[in-house]
PDB file of N, CA and C in Angstrom:
ATOM      1  N   MET A   1     -39.875  19.388  14.353  1.00  0.00           N
ATOM      2  CA  MET A   1     -38.885  20.013  13.510  1.00  0.00           C
ATOM      3  C   MET A   1     -38.870  19.317  12.153  1.00  0.00           C
ATOM      4  N   ALA A   2     -38.938  20.083  11.122  1.00  0.00           N
ATOM      5  CA  ALA A   2     -38.885  19.531   9.769  1.00  0.00           C
ATOM      6  C   ALA A   2     -37.438  19.206   9.408  1.00  0.00           C
ATOM      7  N   TYR A   3     -37.266  18.329   8.439  1.00  0.00           N
ATOM      8  CA  TYR A   3     -35.918  17.993   7.994  1.00  0.00           C
ATOM      9  C   TYR A   3     -35.838  18.173   6.489  1.00  0.00           C
ATOM     10  N   ASP A   4     -34.635  18.335   5.988  1.00  0.00           N
ATOM     11  CA  ASP A   4     -34.370  18.587   4.573  1.00  0.00           C
ATOM     12  C   ASP A   4     -34.676  17.326   3.763  1.00  0.00           C
ATOM     13  N   GLU A   5     -35.808  17.332   3.093  1.00  0.00           N
ATOM     14  CA  GLU A   5     -36.218  16.175   2.286  1.00  0.00           C
ATOM     15  C   GLU A   5     -35.251  15.907   1.147  1.00  0.00           C
ATOM     16  N   GLY A   6     -34.664  16.965   0.590  1.00  0.00           N
ATOM     17  CA  GLY A   6     -33.701  16.784  -0.496  1.00  0.00           C
ATOM     18  C   GLY A   6     -32.468  16.024  -0.026  1.00  0.00           C
ATOM     19  N   LEU A   7     -31.959  16.395   1.138  1.00  0.00           N
ATOM     20  CA  LEU A   7     -30.806  15.686   1.697  1.00  0.00           C
ATOM     21  C   LEU A   7     -31.195  14.247   2.044  1.00  0.00           C
ATOM     22  N   ALA A   8     -32.373  14.063   2.612  1.00  0.00           N
ATOM     23  CA  ALA A   8     -32.838  12.713   2.934  1.00  0.00           C
ATOM     24  C   ALA A   8     -32.916  11.858   1.668  1.00  0.00           C
ATOM     25  N   GLN A   9     -33.378  12.431   0.581  1.00  0.00           N
ATOM     26  CA  GLN A   9     -33.481  11.685  -0.675  1.00  0.00           C
ATOM     27  C   GLN A   9     -32.096  11.327  -1.214  1.00  0.00           C
ATOM     28  N   ARG A  10     -31.150  12.241  -1.093  1.00  0.00           N
ATOM     29  CA  ARG A  10     -29.783  11.948  -1.532  1.00  0.00           C
ATOM     30  C   ARG A  10     -29.199  10.790  -0.723  1.00  0.00           C
ATOM     31  N   VAL A  11     -29.451  10.774   0.578  1.00  0.00           N
ATOM     32  CA  VAL A  11     -28.977   9.668   1.428  1.00  0.00           C
ATOM     33  C   VAL A  11     -29.655   8.370   0.994  1.00  0.00           C
ATOM     34  N   ARG A  12     -30.961   8.441   0.817  1.00  0.00           N
ATOM     35  CA  ARG A  12     -31.752   7.269   0.406  1.00  0.00           C
ATOM     36  C   ARG A  12     -31.202   6.668  -0.889  1.00  0.00           C
ATOM     37  N   GLU A  13     -30.884   7.515  -1.856  1.00  0.00           N
ATOM     38  CA  GLU A  13     -30.362   7.045  -3.145  1.00  0.00           C
ATOM     39  C   GLU A  13     -29.022   6.343  -2.981  1.00  0.00           C
ATOM     40  N   ARG A  14     -28.201   6.828  -2.078  1.00  0.00           N
ATOM     41  CA  ARG A  14     -26.888   6.230  -1.871  1.00  0.00           C
ATOM     42  C   ARG A  14     -26.976   4.901  -1.137  1.00  0.00           C
ATOM     43  N   LEU A  15     -27.950   4.763  -0.287  1.00  0.00           N
ATOM     44  CA  LEU A  15     -28.106   3.509   0.446  1.00  0.00           C
ATOM     45  C   LEU A  15     -28.739   2.438  -0.430  1.00  0.00           C
ATOM     46  N   GLY A  16     -29.356   2.869  -1.522  1.00  0.00           N
ATOM     47  CA  GLY A  16     -29.882   1.932  -2.506  1.00  0.00           C
ATOM     48  C   GLY A  16     -30.946   1.007  -1.965  1.00  0.00           C
ATOM     49  N   THR A  17     -30.920  -0.187  -2.461  1.00  0.00           N
ATOM     50  CA  THR A  17     -31.964  -1.158  -2.125  1.00  0.00           C
ATOM     51  C   THR A  17     -31.463  -2.207  -1.139  1.00  0.00           C
ATOM     52  N   ASP A  18     -30.446  -1.871  -0.380  1.00  0.00           N
ATOM     53  CA  ASP A  18     -29.908  -2.800   0.623  1.00  0.00           C
ATOM     54  C   ASP A  18     -31.041  -3.221   1.553  1.00  0.00           C
ATOM     55  N   PRO A  19     -31.363  -4.527   1.611  1.00  0.00           N
ATOM     56  CA  PRO A  19     -32.484  -4.978   2.446  1.00  0.00           C
ATOM     57  C   PRO A  19     -32.237  -4.793   3.942  1.00  0.00           C
ATOM     58  N   GLY A  20     -30.977  -4.573   4.342  1.00  0.00           N
ATOM     59  CA  GLY A  20     -30.669  -4.362   5.748  1.00  0.00           C
ATOM     60  C   GLY A  20     -30.891  -2.934   6.210  1.00  0.00           C
ATOM     61  N   VAL A  21     -31.202  -2.033   5.262  1.00  0.00           N
ATOM     62  CA  VAL A  21     -31.391  -0.620   5.591  1.00  0.00           C
ATOM     63  C   VAL A  21     -32.872  -0.317   5.773  1.00  0.00           C
ATOM     64  N   THR A  22     -33.184   0.331   6.888  1.00  0.00           N
ATOM     65  CA  THR A  22     -34.552   0.780   7.149  1.00  0.00           C
ATOM     66  C   THR A  22     -34.518   2.249   7.536  1.00  0.00           C
ATOM     67  N   GLU A  23     -35.680   2.876   7.460  1.00  0.00           N
ATOM     68  CA  GLU A  23     -35.827   4.279   7.849  1.00  0.00           C
ATOM     69  C   GLU A  23     -36.762   4.368   9.036  1.00  0.00           C
ATOM     70  N   ARG A  24     -36.462   5.338   9.900  1.00  0.00           N
ATOM     71  CA  ARG A  24     -37.315   5.553  11.062  1.00  0.00           C
ATOM     72  C   ARG A  24     -37.245   7.026  11.447  1.00  0.00           C
ATOM     73  N   LYS A  25     -38.379   7.574  11.818  1.00  0.00           N
ATOM     74  CA  LYS A  25     -38.382   8.953  12.316  1.00  0.00           C
ATOM     75  C   LYS A  25     -37.753   8.961  13.702  1.00  0.00           C
ATOM     76  N   MET A  26     -36.721   9.793  13.858  1.00  0.00           N
ATOM     77  CA  MET A  26     -36.003   9.906  15.132  1.00  0.00           C
ATOM     78  C   MET A  26     -35.401  11.299  15.232  1.00  0.00           C
ATOM     79  N   PHE A  27     -35.191  11.762  16.459  1.00  0.00           N
ATOM     80  CA  PHE A  27     -34.485  13.016  16.713  1.00  0.00           C
ATOM     81  C   PHE A  27     -35.084  14.195  15.938  1.00  0.00           C
ATOM     82  N   GLY A  28     -36.369  14.184  15.708  1.00  0.00           N
ATOM     83  CA  GLY A  28     -37.013  15.264  14.972  1.00  0.00           C
ATOM     84  C   GLY A  28     -36.712  15.241  13.487  1.00  0.00           C
ATOM     85  N   GLY A  29     -36.172  14.146  13.009  1.00  0.00           N
ATOM     86  CA  GLY A  29     -35.827  14.013  11.600  1.00  0.00           C
ATOM     87  C   GLY A  29     -36.052  12.586  11.158  1.00  0.00           C
ATOM     88  N   ILE A  30     -35.177  12.120  10.278  1.00  0.00           N
ATOM     89  CA  ILE A  30     -35.277  10.756   9.790  1.00  0.00           C
ATOM     90  C   ILE A  30     -33.930  10.077   9.952  1.00  0.00           C
ATOM     91  N   ALA A  31     -33.964   8.832  10.401  1.00  0.00           N
ATOM     92  CA  ALA A  31     -32.747   8.051  10.614  1.00  0.00           C
ATOM     93  C   ALA A  31     -32.726   6.877   9.652  1.00  0.00           C
ATOM     94  N   PHE A  32     -31.535   6.517   9.239  1.00  0.00           N
ATOM     95  CA  PHE A  32     -31.325   5.361   8.383  1.00  0.00           C
ATOM     96  C   PHE A  32     -30.535   4.343   9.190  1.00  0.00           C
ATOM     97  N   LEU A  33     -31.139   3.183   9.364  1.00  0.00           N
ATOM     98  CA  LEU A  33     -30.549   2.134  10.195  1.00  0.00           C
ATOM     99  C   LEU A  33     -30.052   0.990   9.326  1.00  0.00           C
ATOM    100  N   CYS A  34     -28.927   0.426   9.718  1.00  0.00           N
ATOM    101  CA  CYS A  34     -28.374  -0.742   9.036  1.00  0.00           C
ATOM    102  C   CYS A  34     -28.464  -1.904  10.010  1.00  0.00           C
ATOM    103  N   HIS A  35     -29.307  -2.867   9.682  1.00  0.00           N
ATOM    104  CA  HIS A  35     -29.548  -4.033  10.539  1.00  0.00           C
ATOM    105  C   HIS A  35     -29.928  -3.610  11.957  1.00  0.00           C
ATOM    106  N   GLY A  36     -30.726  -2.560  12.039  1.00  0.00           N
ATOM    107  CA  GLY A  36     -31.259  -2.093  13.308  1.00  0.00           C
ATOM    108  C   GLY A  36     -30.407  -1.081  14.049  1.00  0.00           C
ATOM    109  N   ASN A  37     -29.224  -0.781  13.549  1.00  0.00           N
ATOM    110  CA  ASN A  37     -28.338   0.193  14.190  1.00  0.00           C
ATOM    111  C   ASN A  37     -28.275   1.459  13.348  1.00  0.00           C
ATOM    112  N   MET A  38     -28.474   2.597  14.007  1.00  0.00           N
ATOM    113  CA  MET A  38     -28.460   3.844  13.262  1.00  0.00           C
ATOM    114  C   MET A  38     -27.082   4.108  12.678  1.00  0.00           C
ATOM    115  N   ALA A  39     -27.058   4.492  11.403  1.00  0.00           N
ATOM    116  CA  ALA A  39     -25.816   4.836  10.706  1.00  0.00           C
ATOM    117  C   ALA A  39     -25.754   6.333  10.459  1.00  0.00           C
ATOM    118  N   VAL A  40     -26.798   6.856   9.819  1.00  0.00           N
ATOM    119  CA  VAL A  40     -26.878   8.286   9.502  1.00  0.00           C
ATOM    120  C   VAL A  40     -28.323   8.736   9.621  1.00  0.00           C
ATOM    121  N   GLY A  41     -28.494  10.032   9.624  1.00  0.00           N
ATOM    122  CA  GLY A  41     -29.840  10.593   9.649  1.00  0.00           C
ATOM    123  C   GLY A  41     -29.814  12.021   9.160  1.00  0.00           C
ATOM    124  N   VAL A  42     -30.977  12.580   9.023  1.00  0.00           N
ATOM    125  CA  VAL A  42     -31.103  13.975   8.631  1.00  0.00           C
ATOM    126  C   VAL A  42     -31.941  14.660   9.688  1.00  0.00           C
ATOM    127  N   THR A  43     -31.411  15.727  10.244  1.00  0.00           N
ATOM    128  CA  THR A  43     -32.111  16.519  11.233  1.00  0.00           C
ATOM    129  C   THR A  43     -31.984  17.983  10.826  1.00  0.00           C
ATOM    130  N   GLY A  44     -33.099  18.631  10.621  1.00  0.00           N
ATOM    131  CA  GLY A  44     -33.064  19.992  10.084  1.00  0.00           C
ATOM    132  C   GLY A  44     -32.427  19.963   8.706  1.00  0.00           C
ATOM    133  N   ASP A  45     -31.414  20.797   8.510  1.00  0.00           N
ATOM    134  CA  ASP A  45     -30.690  20.838   7.234  1.00  0.00           C
ATOM    135  C   ASP A  45     -29.377  20.073   7.292  1.00  0.00           C
ATOM    136  N   ASP A  46     -29.156  19.352   8.380  1.00  0.00           N
ATOM    137  CA  ASP A  46     -27.859  18.734   8.634  1.00  0.00           C
ATOM    138  C   ASP A  46     -27.910  17.211   8.597  1.00  0.00           C
ATOM    139  N   LEU A  47     -26.726  16.633   8.449  1.00  0.00           N
ATOM    140  CA  LEU A  47     -26.565  15.182   8.439  1.00  0.00           C
ATOM    141  C   LEU A  47     -26.082  14.742   9.814  1.00  0.00           C
ATOM    142  N   LEU A  48     -26.740  13.780  10.389  1.00  0.00           N
ATOM    143  CA  LEU A  48     -26.346  13.184  11.658  1.00  0.00           C
ATOM    144  C   LEU A  48     -25.621  11.876  11.332  1.00  0.00           C
ATOM    145  N   VAL A  49     -24.424  11.704  11.887  1.00  0.00           N
ATOM    146  CA  VAL A  49     -23.622  10.528  11.565  1.00  0.00           C
ATOM    147  C   VAL A  49     -23.162   9.858  12.858  1.00  0.00           C
ATOM    148  N   ARG A  50     -23.340   8.554  12.919  1.00  0.00           N
ATOM    149  CA  ARG A  50     -22.859   7.783  14.063  1.00  0.00           C
ATOM    150  C   ARG A  50     -21.464   7.259  13.717  1.00  0.00           C
ATOM    151  N   VAL A  51     -20.453   7.872  14.319  1.00  0.00           N
ATOM    152  CA  VAL A  51     -19.073   7.514  14.000  1.00  0.00           C
ATOM    153  C   VAL A  51     -18.440   6.614  15.052  1.00  0.00           C
ATOM    154  N   GLY A  52     -19.037   6.545  16.231  1.00  0.00           N
ATOM    155  CA  GLY A  52     -18.479   5.761  17.323  1.00  0.00           C
ATOM    156  C   GLY A  52     -17.571   6.610  18.195  1.00  0.00           C
ATOM    157  N   PRO A  53     -17.460   6.254  19.462  1.00  0.00           N
ATOM    158  CA  PRO A  53     -16.680   7.056  20.409  1.00  0.00           C
ATOM    159  C   PRO A  53     -15.214   7.228  20.017  1.00  0.00           C
ATOM    160  N   ASP A  54     -14.598   6.200  19.467  1.00  0.00           N
ATOM    161  CA  ASP A  54     -13.176   6.275  19.133  1.00  0.00           C
ATOM    162  C   ASP A  54     -12.889   7.202  17.951  1.00  0.00           C
ATOM    163  N   ALA A  55     -13.864   7.471  17.117  1.00  0.00           N
ATOM    164  CA  ALA A  55     -13.661   8.315  15.934  1.00  0.00           C
ATOM    165  C   ALA A  55     -14.200   9.731  16.112  1.00  0.00           C
ATOM    166  N   THR A  56     -14.746  10.022  17.280  1.00  0.00           N
ATOM    167  CA  THR A  56     -15.375  11.321  17.502  1.00  0.00           C
ATOM    168  C   THR A  56     -14.395  12.471  17.339  1.00  0.00           C
ATOM    169  N   ASP A  57     -13.254  12.413  17.993  1.00  0.00           N
ATOM    170  CA  ASP A  57     -12.306  13.533  17.936  1.00  0.00           C
ATOM    171  C   ASP A  57     -11.830  13.799  16.517  1.00  0.00           C
ATOM    172  N   ALA A  58     -11.526  12.764  15.771  1.00  0.00           N
ATOM    173  CA  ALA A  58     -11.089  12.941  14.383  1.00  0.00           C
ATOM    174  C   ALA A  58     -12.201  13.566  13.549  1.00  0.00           C
ATOM    175  N   ALA A  59     -13.426  13.121  13.758  1.00  0.00           N
ATOM    176  CA  ALA A  59     -14.558  13.677  13.009  1.00  0.00           C
ATOM    177  C   ALA A  59     -14.747  15.161  13.327  1.00  0.00           C
ATOM    178  N   LEU A  60     -14.565  15.524  14.588  1.00  0.00           N
ATOM    179  CA  LEU A  60     -14.750  16.921  14.984  1.00  0.00           C
ATOM    180  C   LEU A  60     -13.707  17.848  14.378  1.00  0.00           C
ATOM    181  N   GLY A  61     -12.606  17.308  13.912  1.00  0.00           N
ATOM    182  CA  GLY A  61     -11.579  18.110  13.259  1.00  0.00           C
ATOM    183  C   GLY A  61     -11.881  18.417  11.807  1.00  0.00           C
ATOM    184  N   ARG A  62     -12.963  17.868  11.277  1.00  0.00           N
ATOM    185  CA  ARG A  62     -13.328  18.090   9.878  1.00  0.00           C
ATOM    186  C   ARG A  62     -14.273  19.286   9.768  1.00  0.00           C
ATOM    187  N   PRO A  63     -14.284  19.957   8.611  1.00  0.00           N
ATOM    188  CA  PRO A  63     -15.096  21.170   8.436  1.00  0.00           C
ATOM    189  C   PRO A  63     -16.594  20.921   8.648  1.00  0.00           C
ATOM    190  N   GLY A  64     -17.231  21.855   9.358  1.00  0.00           N
ATOM    191  CA  GLY A  64     -18.679  21.842   9.513  1.00  0.00           C
ATOM    192  C   GLY A  64     -19.219  20.797  10.467  1.00  0.00           C
ATOM    193  N   VAL A  65     -18.373  20.243  11.337  1.00  0.00           N
ATOM    194  CA  VAL A  65     -18.792  19.139  12.213  1.00  0.00           C
ATOM    195  C   VAL A  65     -18.858  19.616  13.663  1.00  0.00           C
ATOM    196  N   ARG A  66     -19.904  19.183  14.344  1.00  0.00           N
ATOM    197  CA  ARG A  66     -20.042  19.458  15.781  1.00  0.00           C
ATOM    198  C   ARG A  66     -20.613  18.208  16.451  1.00  0.00           C
ATOM    199  N   LEU A  67     -20.470  18.150  17.773  1.00  0.00           N
ATOM    200  CA  LEU A  67     -21.057  17.038  18.520  1.00  0.00           C
ATOM    201  C   LEU A  67     -22.573  17.104  18.449  1.00  0.00           C
ATOM    202  N   PHE A  68     -23.202  15.965  18.449  1.00  0.00           N
ATOM    203  CA  PHE A  68     -24.653  15.890  18.500  1.00  0.00           C
ATOM    204  C   PHE A  68     -25.083  16.137  19.941  1.00  0.00           C
ATOM    205  N   ASP A  69     -25.948  17.124  20.131  1.00  0.00           N
ATOM    206  CA  ASP A  69     -26.380  17.508  21.471  1.00  0.00           C
ATOM    207  C   ASP A  69     -27.818  18.008  21.394  1.00  0.00           C
ATOM    208  N   MET A  70     -28.737  17.183  21.849  1.00  0.00           N
ATOM    209  CA  MET A  70     -30.150  17.591  21.860  1.00  0.00           C
ATOM    210  C   MET A  70     -30.619  17.976  23.257  1.00  0.00           C
ATOM    211  N   THR A  71     -29.906  17.522  24.281  1.00  0.00           N
ATOM    212  CA  THR A  71     -30.407  17.670  25.642  1.00  0.00           C
ATOM    213  C   THR A  71     -29.491  18.475  26.552  1.00  0.00           C
ATOM    214  N   GLY A  72     -28.416  19.030  26.000  1.00  0.00           N
ATOM    215  CA  GLY A  72     -27.439  19.703  26.837  1.00  0.00           C
ATOM    216  C   GLY A  72     -26.329  18.771  27.281  1.00  0.00           C
ATOM    217  N   ARG A  73     -26.441  17.513  26.887  1.00  0.00           N
ATOM    218  CA  ARG A  73     -25.401  16.513  27.177  1.00  0.00           C
ATOM    219  C   ARG A  73     -24.938  15.917  25.848  1.00  0.00           C
ATOM    220  N   PRO A  74     -23.807  16.426  25.322  1.00  0.00           N
ATOM    221  CA  PRO A  74     -23.327  15.939  24.018  1.00  0.00           C
ATOM    222  C   PRO A  74     -23.137  14.423  24.029  1.00  0.00           C
ATOM    223  N   MET A  75     -23.412  13.812  22.885  1.00  0.00           N
ATOM    224  CA  MET A  75     -23.301  12.361  22.754  1.00  0.00           C
ATOM    225  C   MET A  75     -22.028  12.014  21.980  1.00  0.00           C
ATOM    226  N   ARG A  76     -21.014  11.493  22.674  1.00  0.00           N
ATOM    227  CA  ARG A  76     -19.798  11.051  21.979  1.00  0.00           C
ATOM    228  C   ARG A  76     -20.171   9.900  21.055  1.00  0.00           C
ATOM    229  N   GLY A  77     -19.558   9.926  19.913  1.00  0.00           N
ATOM    230  CA  GLY A  77     -19.848   8.887  18.938  1.00  0.00           C
ATOM    231  C   GLY A  77     -20.870   9.305  17.904  1.00  0.00           C
ATOM    232  N   TRP A  78     -21.494  10.459  18.125  1.00  0.00           N
ATOM    233  CA  TRP A  78     -22.496  10.984  17.206  1.00  0.00           C
ATOM    234  C   TRP A  78     -22.094  12.414  16.849  1.00  0.00           C
ATOM    235  N   VAL A  79     -22.052  12.726  15.565  1.00  0.00           N
ATOM    236  CA  VAL A  79     -21.717  14.073  15.138  1.00  0.00           C
ATOM    237  C   VAL A  79     -22.760  14.592  14.164  1.00  0.00           C
ATOM    238  N   VAL A  80     -22.841  15.912  14.093  1.00  0.00           N
ATOM    239  CA  VAL A  80     -23.716  16.570  13.145  1.00  0.00           C
ATOM    240  C   VAL A  80     -22.827  17.274  12.131  1.00  0.00           C
ATOM    241  N   VAL A  81     -23.090  17.035  10.862  1.00  0.00           N
ATOM    242  CA  VAL A  81     -22.336  17.653   9.782  1.00  0.00           C
ATOM    243  C   VAL A  81     -23.250  18.681   9.124  1.00  0.00           C
ATOM    244  N   ALA A  82     -22.796  19.925   9.085  1.00  0.00           N
ATOM    245  CA  ALA A  82     -23.590  21.001   8.490  1.00  0.00           C
ATOM    246  C   ALA A  82     -23.962  20.649   7.061  1.00  0.00           C
ATOM    247  N   GLY A  83     -25.195  20.944   6.698  1.00  0.00           N
ATOM    248  CA  GLY A  83     -25.699  20.611   5.370  1.00  0.00           C
ATOM    249  C   GLY A  83     -24.823  21.113   4.240  1.00  0.00           C
ATOM    250  N   GLU A  84     -24.272  22.326   4.393  1.00  0.00           N
ATOM    251  CA  GLU A  84     -23.420  22.856   3.325  1.00  0.00           C
ATOM    252  C   GLU A  84     -22.115  22.074   3.193  1.00  0.00           C
ATOM    253  N   SER A  85     -21.723  21.363   4.236  1.00  0.00           N
ATOM    254  CA  SER A  85     -20.501  20.552   4.179  1.00  0.00           C
ATOM    255  C   SER A  85     -20.696  19.243   3.425  1.00  0.00           C
ATOM    256  N   VAL A  86     -21.939  18.880   3.150  1.00  0.00           N
ATOM    257  CA  VAL A  86     -22.208  17.659   2.373  1.00  0.00           C
ATOM    258  C   VAL A  86     -22.932  17.987   1.069  1.00  0.00           C
ATOM    259  N   ALA A  87     -22.779  19.236   0.622  1.00  0.00           N
ATOM    260  CA  ALA A  87     -23.403  19.629  -0.645  1.00  0.00           C
ATOM    261  C   ALA A  87     -22.780  18.871  -1.814  1.00  0.00           C
ATOM    262  N   GLU A  88     -21.480  18.585  -1.712  1.00  0.00           N
ATOM    263  CA  GLU A  88     -20.801  17.807  -2.750  1.00  0.00           C
ATOM    264  C   GLU A  88     -21.051  16.321  -2.500  1.00  0.00           C
ATOM    265  N   ASP A  89     -21.384  15.604  -3.555  1.00  0.00           N
ATOM    266  CA  ASP A  89     -21.702  14.186  -3.423  1.00  0.00           C
ATOM    267  C   ASP A  89     -20.572  13.378  -2.801  1.00  0.00           C
ATOM    268  N   VAL A  90     -19.340  13.690  -3.151  1.00  0.00           N
ATOM    269  CA  VAL A  90     -18.212  12.912  -2.644  1.00  0.00           C
ATOM    270  C   VAL A  90     -18.103  13.040  -1.123  1.00  0.00           C
ATOM    271  N   ARG A  91     -18.410  14.201  -0.581  1.00  0.00           N
ATOM    272  CA  ARG A  91     -18.366  14.377   0.873  1.00  0.00           C
ATOM    273  C   ARG A  91     -19.524  13.641   1.542  1.00  0.00           C
ATOM    274  N   LEU A  92     -20.705  13.726   0.948  1.00  0.00           N
ATOM    275  CA  LEU A  92     -21.848  12.999   1.490  1.00  0.00           C
ATOM    276  C   LEU A  92     -21.563  11.505   1.481  1.00  0.00           C
ATOM    277  N   ASP A  93     -21.022  11.013   0.382  1.00  0.00           N
ATOM    278  CA  ASP A  93     -20.690   9.585   0.273  1.00  0.00           C
ATOM    279  C   ASP A  93     -19.730   9.155   1.385  1.00  0.00           C
ATOM    280  N   ALA A  94     -18.718   9.976   1.641  1.00  0.00           N
ATOM    281  CA  ALA A  94     -17.721   9.626   2.665  1.00  0.00           C
ATOM    282  C   ALA A  94     -18.370   9.534   4.044  1.00  0.00           C
ATOM    283  N   TRP A  95     -19.244  10.475   4.369  1.00  0.00           N
ATOM    284  CA  TRP A  95     -19.908  10.445   5.678  1.00  0.00           C
ATOM    285  C   TRP A  95     -20.851   9.257   5.793  1.00  0.00           C
ATOM    286  N   ILE A  96     -21.582   8.971   4.727  1.00  0.00           N
ATOM    287  CA  ILE A  96     -22.487   7.812   4.753  1.00  0.00           C
ATOM    288  C   ILE A  96     -21.682   6.529   4.935  1.00  0.00           C
ATOM    289  N   ASP A  97     -20.577   6.412   4.222  1.00  0.00           N
ATOM    290  CA  ASP A  97     -19.725   5.226   4.357  1.00  0.00           C
ATOM    291  C   ASP A  97     -19.219   5.079   5.785  1.00  0.00           C
ATOM    292  N   GLU A  98     -18.841   6.193   6.399  1.00  0.00           N
ATOM    293  CA  GLU A  98     -18.341   6.141   7.776  1.00  0.00           C
ATOM    294  C   GLU A  98     -19.432   5.693   8.741  1.00  0.00           C
ATOM    295  N   GLY A  99     -20.624   6.252   8.581  1.00  0.00           N
ATOM    296  CA  GLY A  99     -21.741   5.852   9.446  1.00  0.00           C
ATOM    297  C   GLY A  99     -22.131   4.394   9.252  1.00  0.00           C
ATOM    298  N   ARG A 100     -22.159   3.950   8.017  1.00  0.00           N
ATOM    299  CA  ARG A 100     -22.494   2.556   7.721  1.00  0.00           C
ATOM    300  C   ARG A 100     -21.458   1.594   8.290  1.00  0.00           C
ATOM    301  N   ALA A 101     -20.193   1.975   8.174  1.00  0.00           N
ATOM    302  CA  ALA A 101     -19.119   1.116   8.686  1.00  0.00           C
ATOM    303  C   ALA A 101     -19.248   0.945  10.194  1.00  0.00           C
ATOM    304  N   PHE A 102     -19.541   2.036  10.903  1.00  0.00           N
ATOM    305  CA  PHE A 102     -19.686   1.886  12.354  1.00  0.00           C
ATOM    306  C   PHE A 102     -20.910   1.046  12.683  1.00  0.00           C
ATOM    307  N   ALA A 103     -22.026   1.316  12.025  1.00  0.00           N
ATOM    308  CA  ALA A 103     -23.244   0.538  12.291  1.00  0.00           C
ATOM    309  C   ALA A 103     -23.022  -0.948  11.994  1.00  0.00           C
ATOM    310  N   ALA A 104     -22.267  -1.232  10.947  1.00  0.00           N
ATOM    311  CA  ALA A 104     -22.003  -2.633  10.584  1.00  0.00           C
ATOM    312  C   ALA A 104     -21.108  -3.326  11.612  1.00  0.00           C
ATOM    313  N   SER A 105     -20.356  -2.538  12.389  1.00  0.00           N
ATOM    314  CA  SER A 105     -19.473  -3.133  13.388  1.00  0.00           C
ATOM    315  C   SER A 105     -20.218  -3.576  14.642  1.00  0.00           C
ATOM    316  N   LEU A 106     -21.480  -3.189  14.745  1.00  0.00           N
ATOM    317  CA  LEU A 106     -22.296  -3.521  15.917  1.00  0.00           C
ATOM    318  C   LEU A 106     -23.130  -4.773  15.656  1.00  0.00           C
ATOM    319  N   PRO A 107     -23.515  -5.496  16.699  1.00  0.00           N
ATOM    320  CA  PRO A 107     -24.392  -6.652  16.500  1.00  0.00           C
ATOM    321  C   PRO A 107     -25.739  -6.206  15.940  1.00  0.00           C
ATOM    322  N   ALA A 108     -26.287  -6.967  15.033  1.00  0.00           N
ATOM    323  CA  ALA A 108     -27.616  -6.644  14.483  1.00  0.00           C
ATOM    324  C   ALA A 108     -28.663  -6.700  15.571  1.00  0.00           C
ATOM    325  N   LYS A 109     -29.671  -5.852  15.435  1.00  0.00           N
ATOM    326  CA  LYS A 109     -30.771  -5.835  16.422  1.00  0.00           C
ATOM    327  C   LYS A 109     -31.967  -6.525  15.841  1.00  0.00           C
TER     328      LYS A 109
END
């Protein structure tokens, strides 16, 4: 599955030159990891965000958000944000910040 290179580039630009951030192909798209823990990714035209189990319900109440489900078993703590919901930079920034914050709360790998 191809992923939206434009969205991936926008994410890349926001993550800047942080030496703790790496990229890896995952989930049929590209993932951005902070100190080895996935924070956000791009799959198809959408943004994948790791929000953590405790923030899942709140995230699902926001526009264009659904649970991440690749296998028929939804993954709590991971949400997919429709690409059109992150067309505005301020919304993309907020989701990236949320994913980074959760990844930073985990032990480095």
